[in-house]
Amino acid sequence: MVGDNIKKIRLQRNMSQSELAEAVHVKRQTVSSWEVNRTEPNMGIIELLAGALRCRKSDLIGEDAAATRDTSKLSFTEDQLIRAFRMADPARQKIILELLGIEKR
């Protein structure tokens, strides 16, 4: 999961949760929440995390998630939209689905 990857890479970089939080402009408690997989950062924060941790976004998202998704038929923009939707909180996902006229299954 994303939180496990954040924690693993943060520890490899010898960073504290407070240092990482400061680097991406969030509270230490937010980093803690990610690392225990209570919440997930959005794609904008993933980009900041990748920069702060000196890694690729895919390192944070996870090899398994990237490998199991067949994006060969999607454009770059379509892939980014799907990633952003998946990282959005459930309330935002619901709004997007309503705007698109799609019922959640």
N, C-alpha and C. Protein backbone atom coordinates (compact mmCIF):
# COMPACT_ATOMS: atom_id res chain seq x y z
N MET A 1 0.83 -1.18 0.00
CA MET A 1 0.00 0.00 0.00
C MET A 1 0.88 1.26 0.00
N VAL A 2 0.28 2.36 -0.38
CA VAL A 2 1.02 3.62 -0.51
C VAL A 2 1.69 3.98 0.82
N GLY A 3 0.96 3.87 1.91
CA GLY A 3 1.51 4.25 3.22
C GLY A 3 2.73 3.44 3.60
N ASP A 4 2.68 2.14 3.30
CA ASP A 4 3.83 1.28 3.59
C ASP A 4 5.05 1.73 2.79
N ASN A 5 4.82 2.11 1.54
CA ASN A 5 5.92 2.57 0.68
C ASN A 5 6.49 3.89 1.18
N ILE A 6 5.62 4.79 1.60
CA ILE A 6 6.09 6.08 2.14
C ILE A 6 6.99 5.83 3.34
N LYS A 7 6.52 5.01 4.25
CA LYS A 7 7.29 4.74 5.48
C LYS A 7 8.63 4.08 5.15
N LYS A 8 8.60 3.08 4.28
CA LYS A 8 9.83 2.36 3.93
C LYS A 8 10.87 3.31 3.34
N ILE A 9 10.44 4.12 2.38
CA ILE A 9 11.38 5.04 1.72
C ILE A 9 11.84 6.14 2.68
N ARG A 10 10.91 6.63 3.50
CA ARG A 10 11.28 7.67 4.48
C ARG A 10 12.36 7.15 5.43
N LEU A 11 12.19 5.92 5.90
CA LEU A 11 13.18 5.34 6.81
C LEU A 11 14.51 5.09 6.10
N GLN A 12 14.45 4.68 4.83
CA GLN A 12 15.68 4.50 4.05
C GLN A 12 16.45 5.81 3.93
N ARG A 13 15.71 6.92 3.90
CA ARG A 13 16.33 8.25 3.75
C ARG A 13 16.67 8.87 5.11
N ASN A 14 16.44 8.11 6.18
CA ASN A 14 16.72 8.58 7.54
C ASN A 14 16.00 9.90 7.85
N MET A 15 14.75 9.98 7.42
CA MET A 15 13.94 11.17 7.68
C MET A 15 12.93 10.85 8.77
N SER A 16 12.65 11.84 9.58
CA SER A 16 11.58 11.69 10.57
C SER A 16 10.26 12.05 9.90
N GLN A 17 9.16 11.66 10.53
CA GLN A 17 7.85 12.05 10.02
C GLN A 17 7.73 13.57 10.00
N SER A 18 8.27 14.23 11.01
CA SER A 18 8.21 15.69 11.08
C SER A 18 8.95 16.34 9.93
N GLU A 19 10.12 15.81 9.59
CA GLU A 19 10.90 16.35 8.48
C GLU A 19 10.16 16.18 7.15
N LEU A 20 9.58 15.02 6.96
CA LEU A 20 8.83 14.78 5.73
C LEU A 20 7.60 15.68 5.67
N ALA A 21 6.92 15.80 6.80
CA ALA A 21 5.73 16.66 6.85
C ALA A 21 6.08 18.09 6.48
N GLU A 22 7.16 18.58 7.02
CA GLU A 22 7.59 19.95 6.72
C GLU A 22 7.92 20.11 5.23
N ALA A 23 8.55 19.09 4.66
CA ALA A 23 8.95 19.16 3.25
C ALA A 23 7.75 19.21 2.30
N VAL A 24 6.63 18.59 2.71
CA VAL A 24 5.45 18.56 1.82
C VAL A 24 4.30 19.42 2.35
N HIS A 25 4.60 20.22 3.38
CA HIS A 25 3.67 21.22 3.90
C HIS A 25 2.39 20.62 4.48
N VAL A 26 2.56 19.56 5.28
CA VAL A 26 1.43 18.97 6.01
C VAL A 26 1.84 18.79 7.46
N LYS A 27 0.91 18.38 8.30
CA LYS A 27 1.22 18.11 9.71
C LYS A 27 1.84 16.72 9.84
N ARG A 28 2.61 16.54 10.90
CA ARG A 28 3.23 15.24 11.16
C ARG A 28 2.16 14.15 11.29
N GLN A 29 1.03 14.51 11.87
CA GLN A 29 -0.06 13.55 12.05
C GLN A 29 -0.59 13.05 10.71
N THR A 30 -0.53 13.92 9.69
CA THR A 30 -0.97 13.52 8.36
C THR A 30 -0.05 12.44 7.80
N VAL A 31 1.25 12.62 7.97
CA VAL A 31 2.21 11.62 7.52
C VAL A 31 1.96 10.31 8.26
N SER A 32 1.74 10.40 9.55
CA SER A 32 1.45 9.21 10.34
C SER A 32 0.20 8.49 9.82
N SER A 33 -0.82 9.26 9.50
CA SER A 33 -2.07 8.69 8.98
C SER A 33 -1.84 7.96 7.66
N TRP A 34 -0.98 8.52 6.81
CA TRP A 34 -0.64 7.84 5.55
C TRP A 34 0.08 6.52 5.82
N GLU A 35 1.05 6.60 6.75
CA GLU A 35 1.92 5.45 6.99
C GLU A 35 1.20 4.27 7.64
N VAL A 36 0.10 4.52 8.32
CA VAL A 36 -0.70 3.42 8.88
C VAL A 36 -1.87 3.08 7.96
N ASN A 37 -1.85 3.66 6.77
CA ASN A 37 -2.85 3.39 5.73
C ASN A 37 -4.27 3.76 6.15
N ARG A 38 -4.38 4.76 7.02
CA ARG A 38 -5.69 5.29 7.41
C ARG A 38 -6.23 6.19 6.30
N THR A 39 -5.33 6.97 5.70
CA THR A 39 -5.67 7.84 4.58
C THR A 39 -4.57 7.72 3.54
N GLU A 40 -4.84 8.26 2.35
CA GLU A 40 -3.84 8.27 1.28
C GLU A 40 -3.66 9.68 0.77
N PRO A 41 -2.43 10.05 0.43
CA PRO A 41 -2.20 11.38 -0.14
C PRO A 41 -2.76 11.46 -1.55
N ASN A 42 -3.18 12.67 -1.95
CA ASN A 42 -3.66 12.83 -3.33
C ASN A 42 -2.46 12.91 -4.28
N MET A 43 -2.74 12.92 -5.58
CA MET A 43 -1.65 12.88 -6.55
C MET A 43 -0.73 14.10 -6.46
N GLY A 44 -1.28 15.25 -6.12
CA GLY A 44 -0.43 16.43 -5.96
C GLY A 44 0.57 16.23 -4.85
N ILE A 45 0.13 15.64 -3.76
CA ILE A 45 1.03 15.38 -2.62
C ILE A 45 2.00 14.26 -2.97
N ILE A 46 1.54 13.28 -3.74
CA ILE A 46 2.45 12.19 -4.17
C ILE A 46 3.65 12.78 -4.90
N GLU A 47 3.38 13.78 -5.75
CA GLU A 47 4.48 14.43 -6.47
C GLU A 47 5.44 15.12 -5.51
N LEU A 48 4.89 15.81 -4.51
CA LEU A 48 5.74 16.46 -3.51
C LEU A 48 6.52 15.43 -2.70
N LEU A 49 5.86 14.33 -2.35
CA LEU A 49 6.53 13.27 -1.59
C LEU A 49 7.67 12.67 -2.39
N ALA A 50 7.43 12.43 -3.67
CA ALA A 50 8.48 11.86 -4.52
C ALA A 50 9.69 12.79 -4.56
N GLY A 51 9.44 14.09 -4.64
CA GLY A 51 10.55 15.04 -4.63
C GLY A 51 11.28 15.06 -3.30
N ALA A 52 10.53 15.09 -2.22
CA ALA A 52 11.14 15.15 -0.89
C ALA A 52 11.91 13.87 -0.56
N LEU A 53 11.39 12.73 -1.04
CA LEU A 53 12.02 11.45 -0.74
C LEU A 53 13.01 11.01 -1.83
N ARG A 54 13.15 11.85 -2.86
CA ARG A 54 14.07 11.55 -3.96
C ARG A 54 13.80 10.16 -4.55
N CYS A 55 12.55 9.96 -4.95
CA CYS A 55 12.16 8.69 -5.56
C CYS A 55 11.15 8.96 -6.67
N ARG A 56 10.75 7.94 -7.37
CA ARG A 56 9.74 8.08 -8.41
C ARG A 56 8.34 7.98 -7.80
N LYS A 57 7.38 8.59 -8.45
CA LYS A 57 6.00 8.47 -7.98
C LYS A 57 5.58 7.01 -7.96
N SER A 58 6.01 6.24 -8.94
CA SER A 58 5.65 4.82 -8.99
C SER A 58 6.22 4.05 -7.81
N ASP A 59 7.33 4.52 -7.24
CA ASP A 59 7.88 3.88 -6.04
C ASP A 59 6.91 4.04 -4.87
N LEU A 60 6.22 5.15 -4.83
CA LEU A 60 5.26 5.41 -3.76
C LEU A 60 3.93 4.72 -4.01
N ILE A 61 3.47 4.77 -5.25
CA ILE A 61 2.18 4.18 -5.59
C ILE A 61 2.26 2.66 -5.49
N GLY A 62 3.40 2.12 -5.85
CA GLY A 62 3.61 0.68 -5.72
C GLY A 62 3.77 0.00 -7.06
N GLU A 63 4.73 -0.86 -7.12
CA GLU A 63 4.99 -1.62 -8.34
C GLU A 63 3.79 -2.47 -8.71
N ASP A 64 3.15 -3.09 -7.72
CA ASP A 64 2.02 -3.98 -8.00
C ASP A 64 0.88 -3.22 -8.66
N ALA A 65 0.58 -2.03 -8.15
CA ALA A 65 -0.51 -1.24 -8.71
C ALA A 65 -0.19 -0.84 -10.14
N ALA A 66 1.04 -0.44 -10.39
CA ALA A 66 1.42 -0.03 -11.74
C ALA A 66 1.46 -1.22 -12.69
N ALA A 67 1.91 -2.37 -12.21
CA ALA A 67 2.06 -3.54 -13.05
C ALA A 67 0.72 -4.18 -13.40
N THR A 68 -0.25 -4.12 -12.50
CA THR A 68 -1.52 -4.80 -12.74
C THR A 68 -2.47 -3.98 -13.60
N ARG A 69 -2.14 -2.73 -13.84
CA ARG A 69 -3.01 -1.86 -14.64
C ARG A 69 -2.53 -1.86 -16.08
N ASP A 70 -3.39 -2.22 -17.01
CA ASP A 70 -3.03 -2.17 -18.42
C ASP A 70 -3.38 -0.78 -18.94
N THR A 71 -2.38 0.06 -19.08
CA THR A 71 -2.61 1.43 -19.54
C THR A 71 -2.18 1.61 -20.99
N SER A 72 -1.87 0.51 -21.67
CA SER A 72 -1.37 0.62 -23.04
C SER A 72 -2.40 1.24 -23.98
N LYS A 73 -3.67 1.16 -23.64
CA LYS A 73 -4.71 1.70 -24.49
C LYS A 73 -5.17 3.08 -24.03
N LEU A 74 -4.59 3.58 -22.97
CA LEU A 74 -4.98 4.88 -22.43
C LEU A 74 -3.95 5.93 -22.82
N SER A 75 -4.44 7.14 -23.04
CA SER A 75 -3.51 8.25 -23.25
C SER A 75 -2.92 8.64 -21.90
N PHE A 76 -1.89 9.44 -21.94
CA PHE A 76 -1.27 9.93 -20.71
C PHE A 76 -2.31 10.66 -19.85
N THR A 77 -3.11 11.51 -20.48
CA THR A 77 -4.12 12.28 -19.76
C THR A 77 -5.16 11.36 -19.12
N GLU A 78 -5.59 10.35 -19.86
CA GLU A 78 -6.57 9.41 -19.32
C GLU A 78 -6.00 8.68 -18.11
N ASP A 79 -4.76 8.25 -18.22
CA ASP A 79 -4.10 7.56 -17.11
C ASP A 79 -4.02 8.47 -15.89
N GLN A 80 -3.66 9.74 -16.10
CA GLN A 80 -3.56 10.68 -14.98
C GLN A 80 -4.92 10.92 -14.34
N LEU A 81 -5.97 10.99 -15.15
CA LEU A 81 -7.33 11.16 -14.60
C LEU A 81 -7.72 9.97 -13.74
N ILE A 82 -7.42 8.79 -14.20
CA ILE A 82 -7.75 7.58 -13.43
C ILE A 82 -6.98 7.57 -12.12
N ARG A 83 -5.71 7.90 -12.17
CA ARG A 83 -4.90 7.94 -10.94
C ARG A 83 -5.45 8.97 -9.96
N ALA A 84 -5.79 10.15 -10.46
CA ALA A 84 -6.32 11.21 -9.59
C ALA A 84 -7.64 10.77 -8.98
N PHE A 85 -8.50 10.13 -9.77
CA PHE A 85 -9.78 9.65 -9.25
C PHE A 85 -9.56 8.63 -8.14
N ARG A 86 -8.65 7.69 -8.36
CA ARG A 86 -8.38 6.65 -7.37
C ARG A 86 -7.82 7.23 -6.07
N MET A 87 -7.09 8.32 -6.16
CA MET A 87 -6.49 8.93 -4.97
C MET A 87 -7.44 9.90 -4.27
N ALA A 88 -8.55 10.25 -4.91
CA ALA A 88 -9.50 11.21 -4.33
C ALA A 88 -10.24 10.56 -3.17
N ASP A 89 -10.69 11.39 -2.25
CA ASP A 89 -11.48 10.87 -1.14
C ASP A 89 -12.84 10.43 -1.68
N PRO A 90 -13.53 9.54 -0.96
CA PRO A 90 -14.81 8.99 -1.44
C PRO A 90 -15.86 10.05 -1.78
N ALA A 91 -15.91 11.14 -1.05
CA ALA A 91 -16.90 12.19 -1.33
C ALA A 91 -16.65 12.80 -2.70
N ARG A 92 -15.40 13.05 -3.03
CA ARG A 92 -15.08 13.61 -4.35
C ARG A 92 -15.33 12.59 -5.45
N GLN A 93 -15.02 11.32 -5.18
CA GLN A 93 -15.30 10.28 -6.16
C GLN A 93 -16.80 10.23 -6.46
N LYS A 94 -17.60 10.34 -5.43
CA LYS A 94 -19.06 10.30 -5.61
C LYS A 94 -19.53 11.45 -6.49
N ILE A 95 -19.00 12.65 -6.25
CA ILE A 95 -19.36 13.82 -7.06
C ILE A 95 -18.98 13.61 -8.52
N ILE A 96 -17.79 13.10 -8.75
CA ILE A 96 -17.32 12.85 -10.11
C ILE A 96 -18.22 11.84 -10.81
N LEU A 97 -18.54 10.76 -10.10
CA LEU A 97 -19.41 9.74 -10.69
C LEU A 97 -20.79 10.31 -11.02
N GLU A 98 -21.31 11.16 -10.14
CA GLU A 98 -22.61 11.79 -10.40
C GLU A 98 -22.55 12.70 -11.62
N LEU A 99 -21.47 13.48 -11.73
CA LEU A 99 -21.32 14.37 -12.89
C LEU A 99 -21.24 13.58 -14.20
N LEU A 100 -20.64 12.42 -14.13
CA LEU A 100 -20.49 11.58 -15.33
C LEU A 100 -21.71 10.71 -15.57
N GLY A 101 -22.63 10.71 -14.62
CA GLY A 101 -23.83 9.88 -14.76
C GLY A 101 -23.54 8.40 -14.60
N ILE A 102 -22.57 8.08 -13.75
CA ILE A 102 -22.18 6.70 -13.54
C ILE A 102 -22.60 6.29 -12.12
N GLU A 103 -23.26 5.15 -12.01
CA GLU A 103 -23.63 4.64 -10.70
C GLU A 103 -22.51 3.80 -10.17
N LYS A 104 -22.19 3.97 -8.88
CA LYS A 104 -21.13 3.18 -8.25
C LYS A 104 -21.65 1.76 -8.02
N ARG A 105 -20.84 0.79 -8.38
CA ARG A 105 -21.25 -0.61 -8.23
C ARG A 105 -20.59 -1.25 -7.05
